[in-house]
Amino acid sequence: MAELWTMDHDQPQEALRLRMLSPRWWWQEFLRQLRELRCKPHEIALGMAIGVFIGITPTIPLHTILAVSLAVFARGSKLAAALGVWVSNPLTIPLFYYGSYRIGRFVLGLPGLQFPEAHSLLAMAKLGGTIMGAMVLGGIILGIIPAVLAYILTLRLVSSPRFCAACGERQE
């Protein structure tokens, strides 16, 4: 009997776990969090664009700190910037980093990745610096178009009458 109670008791938690696997749930959660922001549409869109831009760059331990700092400097929504950083996740990071490296390597005119003959710590550090430089430059270039698109789409979304009505107030 106690076993049946445990199964019934776990059903709401299991249902929540299953819902969290749905892209629709994530979209609705994203919209709910956007609705909670109390900023002008331009500030929200600017914060989102900054977050997406920083999320694409290879600065993973500092994504949120950099995005919020840039949002403060640019007078965008700090919370939207932190939300936009989540474009970078375990599924997208490999794609962003690989793309950043390839673009940066192309722009800098670097040859393909070649390991040094001498496997010294200094030789590996130089190789790491070259790779990191290519990734940062490539990440900056790669992040521009998604950031612009994020700004435009977010501005259209948060400026729409339907979105504003769901917020319960008219945003200017």
N, C-alpha and C. Protein backbone atom coordinates (compact mmCIF):
# COMPACT_ATOMS: atom_id res chain seq x y z
N MET A 1 0.83 -1.19 0.00
CA MET A 1 0.00 0.00 0.00
C MET A 1 0.87 1.25 0.00
N ALA A 2 1.92 1.24 0.81
CA ALA A 2 2.82 2.39 0.86
C ALA A 2 3.50 2.58 -0.50
N GLU A 3 3.72 1.49 -1.21
CA GLU A 3 4.33 1.57 -2.53
C GLU A 3 3.42 2.30 -3.52
N LEU A 4 2.11 2.07 -3.44
CA LEU A 4 1.17 2.77 -4.30
C LEU A 4 1.15 4.26 -3.99
N TRP A 5 1.19 4.63 -2.70
CA TRP A 5 1.19 6.04 -2.32
C TRP A 5 2.41 6.74 -2.87
N THR A 6 3.57 6.09 -2.82
CA THR A 6 4.80 6.67 -3.32
C THR A 6 4.70 6.91 -4.82
N MET A 7 4.11 5.96 -5.54
CA MET A 7 3.98 6.13 -6.98
C MET A 7 3.06 7.29 -7.30
N ASP A 8 1.92 7.39 -6.59
CA ASP A 8 1.00 8.50 -6.83
C ASP A 8 1.63 9.83 -6.45
N HIS A 9 2.39 9.83 -5.37
CA HIS A 9 3.03 11.06 -4.89
C HIS A 9 4.09 11.56 -5.88
N ASP A 10 4.77 10.67 -6.57
CA ASP A 10 5.82 11.05 -7.51
C ASP A 10 5.29 11.47 -8.88
N GLN A 11 4.01 11.25 -9.16
CA GLN A 11 3.47 11.56 -10.48
C GLN A 11 3.59 13.04 -10.86
N PRO A 12 3.29 14.01 -9.98
CA PRO A 12 3.46 15.41 -10.39
C PRO A 12 4.91 15.76 -10.73
N GLN A 13 5.84 15.23 -9.97
CA GLN A 13 7.26 15.49 -10.27
C GLN A 13 7.66 14.85 -11.58
N GLU A 14 7.19 13.65 -11.83
CA GLU A 14 7.51 12.97 -13.09
C GLU A 14 6.87 13.70 -14.27
N ALA A 15 5.65 14.19 -14.09
CA ALA A 15 4.98 14.95 -15.15
C ALA A 15 5.76 16.22 -15.46
N LEU A 16 6.27 16.90 -14.42
CA LEU A 16 7.07 18.10 -14.64
C LEU A 16 8.35 17.76 -15.39
N ARG A 17 9.00 16.66 -15.04
CA ARG A 17 10.22 16.25 -15.75
C ARG A 17 9.93 15.98 -17.22
N LEU A 18 8.82 15.34 -17.51
CA LEU A 18 8.46 15.05 -18.90
C LEU A 18 8.14 16.34 -19.65
N ARG A 19 7.44 17.27 -19.01
CA ARG A 19 7.14 18.55 -19.66
C ARG A 19 8.40 19.33 -19.96
N MET A 20 9.39 19.23 -19.09
CA MET A 20 10.64 19.97 -19.29
C MET A 20 11.42 19.48 -20.50
N LEU A 21 11.10 18.31 -20.99
CA LEU A 21 11.74 17.80 -22.20
C LEU A 21 11.14 18.40 -23.46
N SER A 22 10.02 19.05 -23.33
CA SER A 22 9.32 19.61 -24.48
C SER A 22 9.86 20.99 -24.85
N PRO A 23 10.17 21.22 -26.13
CA PRO A 23 10.58 22.57 -26.56
C PRO A 23 9.49 23.60 -26.29
N ARG A 24 8.24 23.18 -26.35
CA ARG A 24 7.14 24.13 -26.07
C ARG A 24 7.20 24.64 -24.63
N TRP A 25 7.53 23.77 -23.69
CA TRP A 25 7.65 24.18 -22.29
C TRP A 25 8.76 25.21 -22.14
N TRP A 26 9.89 24.97 -22.78
CA TRP A 26 11.02 25.90 -22.70
C TRP A 26 10.64 27.25 -23.32
N TRP A 27 9.93 27.26 -24.44
CA TRP A 27 9.50 28.51 -25.07
C TRP A 27 8.54 29.27 -24.14
N GLN A 28 7.59 28.56 -23.54
CA GLN A 28 6.65 29.22 -22.64
C GLN A 28 7.36 29.76 -21.40
N GLU A 29 8.34 29.02 -20.91
CA GLU A 29 9.12 29.50 -19.76
C GLU A 29 9.92 30.74 -20.13
N PHE A 30 10.51 30.74 -21.32
CA PHE A 30 11.24 31.90 -21.82
C PHE A 30 10.33 33.13 -21.90
N LEU A 31 9.14 32.95 -22.47
CA LEU A 31 8.18 34.06 -22.58
C LEU A 31 7.73 34.54 -21.20
N ARG A 32 7.53 33.61 -20.28
CA ARG A 32 7.12 34.00 -18.93
C ARG A 32 8.19 34.86 -18.28
N GLN A 33 9.44 34.49 -18.45
CA GLN A 33 10.52 35.28 -17.86
C GLN A 33 10.65 36.64 -18.53
N LEU A 34 10.43 36.70 -19.84
CA LEU A 34 10.46 38.00 -20.52
C LEU A 34 9.34 38.91 -20.03
N ARG A 35 8.17 38.33 -19.79
CA ARG A 35 7.02 39.13 -19.33
C ARG A 35 7.28 39.74 -17.96
N GLU A 36 8.09 39.08 -17.17
CA GLU A 36 8.36 39.58 -15.82
C GLU A 36 9.31 40.78 -15.82
N LEU A 37 10.00 41.02 -16.94
CA LEU A 37 10.92 42.15 -17.00
C LEU A 37 10.12 43.45 -17.08
N ARG A 38 10.50 44.41 -16.31
CA ARG A 38 9.80 45.69 -16.27
C ARG A 38 10.67 46.78 -16.89
N CYS A 39 10.91 46.66 -18.19
CA CYS A 39 11.74 47.61 -18.91
C CYS A 39 11.02 48.02 -20.19
N LYS A 40 11.58 49.00 -20.85
CA LYS A 40 11.08 49.39 -22.16
C LYS A 40 11.49 48.31 -23.17
N PRO A 41 10.72 48.15 -24.23
CA PRO A 41 11.04 47.13 -25.24
C PRO A 41 12.46 47.26 -25.79
N HIS A 42 12.94 48.48 -26.04
CA HIS A 42 14.30 48.65 -26.54
C HIS A 42 15.33 48.13 -25.54
N GLU A 43 15.13 48.38 -24.26
CA GLU A 43 16.07 47.92 -23.24
C GLU A 43 16.10 46.40 -23.16
N ILE A 44 14.93 45.78 -23.25
CA ILE A 44 14.85 44.31 -23.22
C ILE A 44 15.54 43.73 -24.45
N ALA A 45 15.24 44.29 -25.62
CA ALA A 45 15.84 43.78 -26.86
C ALA A 45 17.34 43.98 -26.87
N LEU A 46 17.80 45.12 -26.38
CA LEU A 46 19.24 45.37 -26.32
C LEU A 46 19.93 44.40 -25.37
N GLY A 47 19.33 44.19 -24.21
CA GLY A 47 19.89 43.22 -23.26
C GLY A 47 19.94 41.82 -23.85
N MET A 48 18.88 41.43 -24.54
CA MET A 48 18.85 40.10 -25.16
C MET A 48 19.94 39.98 -26.22
N ALA A 49 20.10 41.01 -27.05
CA ALA A 49 21.13 40.98 -28.10
C ALA A 49 22.52 40.88 -27.49
N ILE A 50 22.76 41.61 -26.42
CA ILE A 50 24.06 41.54 -25.74
C ILE A 50 24.28 40.14 -25.18
N GLY A 51 23.26 39.58 -24.57
CA GLY A 51 23.38 38.23 -24.01
C GLY A 51 23.66 37.17 -25.07
N VAL A 52 22.96 37.26 -26.19
CA VAL A 52 23.17 36.31 -27.28
C VAL A 52 24.58 36.47 -27.85
N PHE A 53 25.00 37.71 -28.05
CA PHE A 53 26.35 37.96 -28.58
C PHE A 53 27.42 37.37 -27.67
N ILE A 54 27.34 37.66 -26.38
CA ILE A 54 28.33 37.14 -25.43
C ILE A 54 28.21 35.62 -25.31
N GLY A 55 26.99 35.09 -25.39
CA GLY A 55 26.80 33.64 -25.29
C GLY A 55 27.47 32.87 -26.41
N ILE A 56 27.65 33.50 -27.55
CA ILE A 56 28.28 32.84 -28.69
C ILE A 56 29.81 32.91 -28.62
N THR A 57 30.33 33.89 -27.92
CA THR A 57 31.80 34.02 -27.82
C THR A 57 32.36 32.94 -26.90
N PRO A 58 33.62 32.56 -27.10
CA PRO A 58 34.22 31.51 -26.27
C PRO A 58 34.75 32.06 -24.93
N THR A 59 33.85 32.57 -24.14
CA THR A 59 34.21 33.12 -22.83
C THR A 59 33.37 32.45 -21.74
N ILE A 60 33.22 31.15 -21.84
CA ILE A 60 32.24 30.42 -21.04
C ILE A 60 32.28 30.67 -19.53
N PRO A 61 33.36 30.80 -18.88
CA PRO A 61 33.22 31.00 -17.43
C PRO A 61 32.75 32.41 -17.08
N LEU A 62 32.77 33.31 -18.05
CA LEU A 62 32.44 34.71 -17.77
C LEU A 62 31.22 35.21 -18.53
N HIS A 63 30.45 34.33 -19.16
CA HIS A 63 29.33 34.77 -20.00
C HIS A 63 28.40 35.74 -19.28
N THR A 64 27.86 35.33 -18.16
CA THR A 64 26.87 36.15 -17.48
C THR A 64 27.48 37.45 -16.98
N ILE A 65 28.66 37.39 -16.41
CA ILE A 65 29.33 38.59 -15.89
C ILE A 65 29.58 39.58 -17.02
N LEU A 66 30.09 39.11 -18.14
CA LEU A 66 30.35 39.99 -19.28
C LEU A 66 29.05 40.57 -19.85
N ALA A 67 28.03 39.74 -20.00
CA ALA A 67 26.77 40.20 -20.59
C ALA A 67 26.11 41.25 -19.70
N VAL A 68 26.06 41.01 -18.40
CA VAL A 68 25.44 41.97 -17.50
C VAL A 68 26.25 43.26 -17.45
N SER A 69 27.57 43.15 -17.44
CA SER A 69 28.42 44.34 -17.43
C SER A 69 28.21 45.18 -18.70
N LEU A 70 28.17 44.52 -19.85
CA LEU A 70 27.91 45.25 -21.10
C LEU A 70 26.51 45.86 -21.12
N ALA A 71 25.53 45.16 -20.55
CA ALA A 71 24.17 45.69 -20.50
C ALA A 71 24.11 46.94 -19.62
N VAL A 72 24.85 46.95 -18.53
CA VAL A 72 24.91 48.14 -17.68
C VAL A 72 25.51 49.29 -18.47
N PHE A 73 26.61 49.02 -19.13
CA PHE A 73 27.29 50.05 -19.91
C PHE A 73 26.42 50.58 -21.06
N ALA A 74 25.69 49.69 -21.73
CA ALA A 74 24.87 50.07 -22.88
C ALA A 74 23.45 50.48 -22.49
N ARG A 75 23.12 50.40 -21.20
CA ARG A 75 21.79 50.73 -20.68
C ARG A 75 20.71 49.82 -21.24
N GLY A 76 21.04 48.55 -21.31
CA GLY A 76 20.06 47.53 -21.69
C GLY A 76 19.61 46.80 -20.44
N SER A 77 18.67 45.92 -20.60
CA SER A 77 18.16 45.14 -19.48
C SER A 77 19.20 44.11 -19.05
N LYS A 78 19.59 44.19 -17.80
CA LYS A 78 20.58 43.24 -17.27
C LYS A 78 20.00 41.83 -17.19
N LEU A 79 18.73 41.73 -16.81
CA LEU A 79 18.11 40.41 -16.73
C LEU A 79 17.93 39.78 -18.10
N ALA A 80 17.58 40.59 -19.10
CA ALA A 80 17.45 40.05 -20.46
C ALA A 80 18.81 39.61 -20.98
N ALA A 81 19.87 40.33 -20.62
CA ALA A 81 21.22 39.92 -21.02
C ALA A 81 21.57 38.57 -20.41
N ALA A 82 21.26 38.40 -19.13
CA ALA A 82 21.53 37.12 -18.47
C ALA A 82 20.69 36.00 -19.09
N LEU A 83 19.48 36.33 -19.50
CA LEU A 83 18.61 35.34 -20.14
C LEU A 83 19.13 34.99 -21.54
N GLY A 84 19.63 35.98 -22.27
CA GLY A 84 20.14 35.75 -23.62
C GLY A 84 21.39 34.89 -23.67
N VAL A 85 22.15 34.90 -22.60
CA VAL A 85 23.38 34.10 -22.53
C VAL A 85 23.06 32.61 -22.67
N TRP A 86 21.83 32.22 -22.32
CA TRP A 86 21.47 30.81 -22.36
C TRP A 86 21.34 30.27 -23.78
N VAL A 87 21.61 31.09 -24.78
CA VAL A 87 21.73 30.56 -26.15
C VAL A 87 22.89 29.58 -26.18
N SER A 88 23.82 29.78 -25.28
CA SER A 88 24.97 28.89 -25.15
C SER A 88 24.61 27.81 -24.13
N ASN A 89 24.53 26.59 -24.60
CA ASN A 89 24.17 25.47 -23.74
C ASN A 89 24.96 24.24 -24.21
N PRO A 90 24.87 23.14 -23.51
CA PRO A 90 25.66 21.97 -23.90
C PRO A 90 25.44 21.49 -25.33
N LEU A 91 24.29 21.79 -25.92
CA LEU A 91 24.05 21.38 -27.30
C LEU A 91 24.68 22.34 -28.31
N THR A 92 24.75 23.62 -27.98
CA THR A 92 25.23 24.61 -28.94
C THR A 92 26.70 24.98 -28.77
N ILE A 93 27.25 24.79 -27.60
CA ILE A 93 28.65 25.19 -27.36
C ILE A 93 29.62 24.55 -28.35
N PRO A 94 29.55 23.25 -28.61
CA PRO A 94 30.50 22.68 -29.58
C PRO A 94 30.39 23.33 -30.96
N LEU A 95 29.17 23.62 -31.39
CA LEU A 95 28.98 24.27 -32.69
C LEU A 95 29.56 25.68 -32.69
N PHE A 96 29.28 26.45 -31.65
CA PHE A 96 29.79 27.82 -31.57
C PHE A 96 31.31 27.84 -31.51
N TYR A 97 31.89 26.96 -30.70
CA TYR A 97 33.34 26.97 -30.55
C TYR A 97 34.05 26.52 -31.82
N TYR A 98 33.51 25.49 -32.45
CA TYR A 98 34.10 25.03 -33.70
C TYR A 98 33.99 26.11 -34.77
N GLY A 99 32.80 26.69 -34.88
CA GLY A 99 32.61 27.77 -35.85
C GLY A 99 33.50 28.97 -35.56
N SER A 100 33.64 29.32 -34.30
CA SER A 100 34.50 30.43 -33.91
C SER A 100 35.95 30.17 -34.32
N TYR A 101 36.41 28.96 -34.05
CA TYR A 101 37.78 28.63 -34.41
C TYR A 101 37.98 28.67 -35.92
N ARG A 102 37.05 28.08 -36.67
CA ARG A 102 37.20 28.04 -38.12
C ARG A 102 37.17 29.45 -38.73
N ILE A 103 36.25 30.29 -38.28
CA ILE A 103 36.17 31.65 -38.80
C ILE A 103 37.41 32.45 -38.42
N GLY A 104 37.81 32.35 -37.16
CA GLY A 104 39.01 33.08 -36.71
C GLY A 104 40.26 32.63 -37.43
N ARG A 105 40.38 31.34 -37.62
CA ARG A 105 41.54 30.81 -38.35
C ARG A 105 41.55 31.32 -39.78
N PHE A 106 40.38 31.37 -40.42
CA PHE A 106 40.28 31.87 -41.79
C PHE A 106 40.66 33.35 -41.86
N VAL A 107 40.10 34.16 -40.97
CA VAL A 107 40.35 35.60 -40.99
C VAL A 107 41.83 35.91 -40.71
N LEU A 108 42.42 35.18 -39.78
CA LEU A 108 43.82 35.41 -39.43
C LEU A 108 44.79 34.74 -40.40
N GLY A 109 44.28 33.91 -41.29
CA GLY A 109 45.13 33.23 -42.26
C GLY A 109 46.03 32.18 -41.63
N LEU A 110 45.54 31.53 -40.58
CA LEU A 110 46.33 30.51 -39.88
C LEU A 110 46.20 29.17 -40.59
N PRO A 111 47.26 28.38 -40.56
CA PRO A 111 47.16 27.03 -41.13
C PRO A 111 46.32 26.15 -40.21
N GLY A 112 46.02 24.95 -40.66
CA GLY A 112 45.28 24.01 -39.83
C GLY A 112 46.03 23.71 -38.55
N LEU A 113 45.35 23.16 -37.59
CA LEU A 113 45.93 22.85 -36.29
C LEU A 113 47.03 21.80 -36.44
N GLN A 114 48.23 22.17 -36.03
CA GLN A 114 49.37 21.26 -36.07
C GLN A 114 50.04 21.28 -34.71
N PHE A 115 50.24 20.12 -34.16
CA PHE A 115 50.90 20.04 -32.87
C PHE A 115 52.40 20.25 -33.05
N PRO A 116 53.02 20.96 -32.12
CA PRO A 116 54.46 21.21 -32.24
C PRO A 116 55.27 19.92 -32.11
N GLU A 117 56.43 19.93 -32.72
CA GLU A 117 57.32 18.77 -32.65
C GLU A 117 57.75 18.51 -31.21
N ALA A 118 58.19 19.56 -30.53
CA ALA A 118 58.59 19.43 -29.13
C ALA A 118 57.35 19.61 -28.26
N HIS A 119 57.04 18.64 -27.45
CA HIS A 119 55.85 18.71 -26.60
C HIS A 119 56.17 19.38 -25.28
N SER A 120 56.80 20.52 -25.36
CA SER A 120 57.12 21.25 -24.14
C SER A 120 55.91 22.08 -23.71
N LEU A 121 55.91 22.47 -22.47
CA LEU A 121 54.83 23.27 -21.93
C LEU A 121 54.75 24.62 -22.63
N LEU A 122 55.90 25.22 -22.94
CA LEU A 122 55.95 26.51 -23.62
C LEU A 122 55.38 26.40 -25.04
N ALA A 123 55.74 25.34 -25.75
CA ALA A 123 55.23 25.16 -27.11
C ALA A 123 53.72 24.95 -27.10
N MET A 124 53.21 24.21 -26.14
CA MET A 124 51.77 23.99 -26.03
C MET A 124 51.05 25.28 -25.64
N ALA A 125 51.67 26.10 -24.79
CA ALA A 125 51.06 27.37 -24.39
C ALA A 125 50.96 28.31 -25.58
N LYS A 126 51.97 28.34 -26.43
CA LYS A 126 51.93 29.18 -27.63
C LYS A 126 50.81 28.71 -28.56
N LEU A 127 50.69 27.41 -28.70
CA LEU A 127 49.63 26.85 -29.53
C LEU A 127 48.26 27.22 -28.96
N GLY A 128 48.12 27.13 -27.65
CA GLY A 128 46.86 27.49 -26.99
C GLY A 128 46.53 28.95 -27.18
N GLY A 129 47.52 29.83 -27.11
CA GLY A 129 47.29 31.25 -27.32
C GLY A 129 46.83 31.55 -28.73
N THR A 130 47.41 30.87 -29.70
CA THR A 130 47.01 31.05 -31.10
C THR A 130 45.57 30.59 -31.31
N ILE A 131 45.25 29.44 -30.75
CA ILE A 131 43.90 28.90 -30.89
C ILE A 131 42.89 29.82 -30.19
N MET A 132 43.24 30.28 -29.00
CA MET A 132 42.31 31.14 -28.27
C MET A 132 42.09 32.47 -28.99
N GLY A 133 43.15 33.03 -29.54
CA GLY A 133 43.01 34.27 -30.30
C GLY A 133 42.09 34.09 -31.50
N ALA A 134 42.27 32.98 -32.21
CA ALA A 134 41.40 32.69 -33.36
C ALA A 134 39.97 32.49 -32.92
N MET A 135 39.76 31.82 -31.79
CA MET A 135 38.40 31.57 -31.31
C MET A 135 37.71 32.85 -30.86
N VAL A 136 38.43 33.72 -30.18
CA VAL A 136 37.81 34.98 -29.73
C VAL A 136 37.43 35.84 -30.92
N LEU A 137 38.35 36.01 -31.87
CA LEU A 137 38.04 36.79 -33.06
C LEU A 137 36.88 36.17 -33.83
N GLY A 138 36.93 34.87 -34.03
CA GLY A 138 35.84 34.18 -34.74
C GLY A 138 34.53 34.27 -33.99
N GLY A 139 34.57 34.20 -32.66
CA GLY A 139 33.36 34.31 -31.85
C GLY A 139 32.72 35.69 -31.97
N ILE A 140 33.55 36.72 -32.01
CA ILE A 140 33.04 38.08 -32.18
C ILE A 140 32.35 38.21 -33.53
N ILE A 141 33.00 37.70 -34.57
CA ILE A 141 32.41 37.76 -35.91
C ILE A 141 31.14 36.92 -35.98
N LEU A 142 31.20 35.71 -35.43
CA LEU A 142 30.07 34.80 -35.47
C LEU A 142 28.88 35.33 -34.67
N GLY A 143 29.12 36.10 -33.63
CA GLY A 143 28.05 36.58 -32.77
C GLY A 143 27.30 37.79 -33.28
N ILE A 144 27.82 38.48 -34.29
CA ILE A 144 27.19 39.73 -34.74
C ILE A 144 25.80 39.49 -35.33
N ILE A 145 25.68 38.60 -36.28
CA ILE A 145 24.38 38.38 -36.95
C ILE A 145 23.33 37.84 -35.98
N PRO A 146 23.63 36.82 -35.17
CA PRO A 146 22.61 36.37 -34.21
C PRO A 146 22.21 37.46 -33.21
N ALA A 147 23.15 38.32 -32.82
CA ALA A 147 22.81 39.40 -31.89
C ALA A 147 21.85 40.40 -32.54
N VAL A 148 22.11 40.75 -33.79
CA VAL A 148 21.22 41.67 -34.51
C VAL A 148 19.84 41.03 -34.67
N LEU A 149 19.80 39.76 -35.04
CA LEU A 149 18.52 39.06 -35.17
C LEU A 149 17.80 38.97 -33.83
N ALA A 150 18.54 38.71 -32.76
CA ALA A 150 17.93 38.65 -31.42
C ALA A 150 17.33 39.99 -31.05
N TYR A 151 18.01 41.08 -31.39
CA TYR A 151 17.48 42.41 -31.09
C TYR A 151 16.17 42.64 -31.84
N ILE A 152 16.18 42.38 -33.14
CA ILE A 152 15.00 42.64 -33.97
C ILE A 152 13.82 41.77 -33.52
N LEU A 153 14.07 40.47 -33.35
CA LEU A 153 12.98 39.57 -32.98
C LEU A 153 12.45 39.86 -31.58
N THR A 154 13.34 40.15 -30.64
CA THR A 154 12.90 40.45 -29.28
C THR A 154 12.13 41.76 -29.25
N LEU A 155 12.60 42.76 -29.97
CA LEU A 155 11.89 44.05 -30.02
C LEU A 155 10.49 43.87 -30.59
N ARG A 156 10.38 43.09 -31.67
CA ARG A 156 9.05 42.84 -32.26
C ARG A 156 8.17 42.08 -31.27
N LEU A 157 8.74 41.10 -30.59
CA LEU A 157 7.97 40.30 -29.65
C LEU A 157 7.47 41.14 -28.48
N VAL A 158 8.36 41.85 -27.81
CA VAL A 158 7.95 42.58 -26.61
C VAL A 158 7.17 43.85 -26.92
N SER A 159 7.18 44.29 -28.17
CA SER A 159 6.40 45.46 -28.57
C SER A 159 5.02 45.08 -29.07
N SER A 160 4.78 43.80 -29.29
CA SER A 160 3.49 43.38 -29.85
C SER A 160 2.37 43.59 -28.83
N PRO A 161 1.21 43.99 -29.30
CA PRO A 161 0.07 44.21 -28.39
C PRO A 161 -0.30 42.95 -27.60
N ARG A 162 -0.20 41.80 -28.22
CA ARG A 162 -0.54 40.55 -27.54
C ARG A 162 0.40 40.29 -26.36
N PHE A 163 1.69 40.53 -26.56
CA PHE A 163 2.67 40.34 -25.50
C PHE A 163 2.42 41.33 -24.37
N CYS A 164 2.19 42.58 -24.73
CA CYS A 164 1.95 43.63 -23.72
C CYS A 164 0.67 43.34 -22.93
N ALA A 165 -0.36 42.82 -23.60
CA ALA A 165 -1.60 42.49 -22.91
C ALA A 165 -1.38 41.35 -21.92
N ALA A 166 -0.53 40.40 -22.28
CA ALA A 166 -0.24 39.29 -21.38
C ALA A 166 0.53 39.77 -20.16
N CYS A 167 1.28 40.87 -20.31
CA CYS A 167 2.04 41.43 -19.19
C CYS A 167 1.12 42.16 -18.23
N GLY A 168 -0.02 42.60 -18.71
CA GLY A 168 -0.94 43.33 -17.87
C GLY A 168 -0.72 44.83 -17.88
N GLU A 169 0.19 45.30 -18.70
CA GLU A 169 0.44 46.74 -18.80
C GLU A 169 0.98 47.06 -20.18
N ARG A 170 0.87 48.27 -20.56
CA ARG A 170 1.37 48.72 -21.87
C ARG A 170 2.80 49.21 -21.68
N GLN A 171 3.74 48.64 -22.44
CA GLN A 171 5.12 49.07 -22.38
C GLN A 171 5.37 50.07 -23.48
N GLU A 172 6.16 51.08 -23.22
CA GLU A 172 6.47 52.12 -24.21
C GLU A 172 7.87 51.92 -24.72
